[in-house]
Structure formats: structure tokens, C-alpha cells
Amino acid sequence: MMLLYSWELENYLSSKNNTISNKEYKYICDTCPQIDHIKYNAFDNRFDVWTKDGKHFEFQVYYDGEKG
């Protein structure tokens, strides 16, 4: 399992146009040691993630039909 750091997470989300599957979301939560906290905004159907090094990311998660 590869650990994702903030710069890797930023590049990955950018390459996916800030929309990832539920499996990708689970992988990120399990492997990114920099994540400080996550908030789901139901109004926008968006996740906000803050990291320990001060970064902030916004993205959406779609269900791909399989459990993560």
C-alpha cells in the first residue's frame, strides 16, 4: 500500500477533475497520513479535506457499484 502525501493527493485529485469513486476515496482515507479532518457538505455533495500541512482539497465522490 503506497502512502499518499499532500502533493501526491493534490496531483491525483487534479488528474481526476476532483471527482473520484468510492473505492478511491477509501484508499485515500486509508493511505494519506497528512489528512487532519474531512467534512461532507450535503448541500453541494462535496467533501472537504484539510491536511496537517495546511492544504485544503474539495472533491466529489461517486458510487461505482461496488463496496470499497
Protein backbone atom coordinates (compact mmCIF):
# COMPACT_ATOMS: atom_id res chain seq x y z
CA MET A 1 0.00 0.00 0.00
CA MET A 2 1.51 3.30 -1.10
CA LEU A 3 1.22 6.28 1.23
CA LEU A 4 -0.10 9.49 -0.30
CA TYR A 5 1.25 12.82 0.84
CA SER A 6 -0.43 16.17 0.26
CA TRP A 7 1.33 16.96 -3.01
CA GLU A 8 0.51 13.48 -4.35
CA LEU A 9 -3.10 13.83 -3.29
CA GLU A 10 -3.31 17.22 -4.98
CA ASN A 11 -1.92 15.82 -8.24
CA TYR A 12 -4.18 12.76 -8.09
CA LEU A 13 -7.38 14.74 -7.47
CA SER A 14 -6.44 17.21 -10.19
CA SER A 15 -5.91 14.38 -12.69
CA LYS A 16 -9.41 13.09 -11.85
CA ASN A 17 -11.07 16.52 -12.17
CA ASN A 18 -11.78 16.39 -8.44
CA THR A 19 -14.28 13.54 -8.86
CA ILE A 20 -13.32 10.11 -7.56
CA SER A 21 -15.02 6.76 -6.92
CA ASN A 22 -15.93 5.43 -3.50
CA LYS A 23 -13.03 2.94 -3.75
CA GLU A 24 -10.57 5.75 -4.47
CA TYR A 25 -12.00 7.74 -1.56
CA LYS A 26 -11.50 4.80 0.82
CA TYR A 27 -7.95 4.29 -0.47
CA ILE A 28 -7.11 7.96 0.10
CA CYS A 29 -8.55 7.90 3.63
CA ASP A 30 -6.58 4.75 4.44
CA THR A 31 -3.24 5.82 2.98
CA CYS A 32 -2.82 9.58 3.34
CA PRO A 33 -1.01 10.26 6.63
CA GLN A 34 -1.36 14.02 6.19
CA ILE A 35 -5.19 14.09 6.44
CA ASP A 36 -6.24 16.03 9.51
CA HIS A 37 -10.00 16.05 9.06
CA ILE A 38 -12.75 15.52 6.49
CA LYS A 39 -16.13 17.19 6.19
CA TYR A 40 -19.01 16.22 3.92
CA ASN A 41 -21.14 19.06 2.59
CA ALA A 42 -24.50 17.51 1.61
CA PHE A 43 -25.76 20.77 0.09
CA ASP A 44 -23.00 20.70 -2.56
CA ASN A 45 -22.46 16.92 -2.49
CA ARG A 46 -18.81 17.69 -1.86
CA PHE A 47 -16.08 16.55 0.51
CA ASP A 48 -13.65 18.99 2.07
CA VAL A 49 -10.32 17.63 3.32
CA TRP A 50 -7.73 19.50 5.35
CA THR A 51 -4.21 18.22 5.85
CA LYS A 52 -1.73 18.63 8.68
CA ASP A 53 0.49 20.77 6.47
CA GLY A 54 -2.28 23.32 5.83
CA LYS A 55 -3.63 22.17 2.46
CA HIS A 56 -7.34 22.09 1.63
CA PHE A 57 -8.97 19.95 -1.05
CA GLU A 58 -12.52 19.81 -2.38
CA PHE A 59 -13.85 16.88 -4.38
CA GLN A 60 -16.90 14.77 -5.13
CA VAL A 61 -17.28 11.02 -4.70
CA TYR A 62 -19.44 8.82 -6.90
CA TYR A 63 -20.56 5.28 -6.16
CA ASP A 64 -19.11 2.85 -8.69
CA GLY A 65 -21.48 -0.02 -7.90
CA GLU A 66 -19.10 -1.96 -5.63
CA LYS A 67 -18.24 -1.65 -1.99
CA GLY A 68 -14.84 -0.11 -1.36
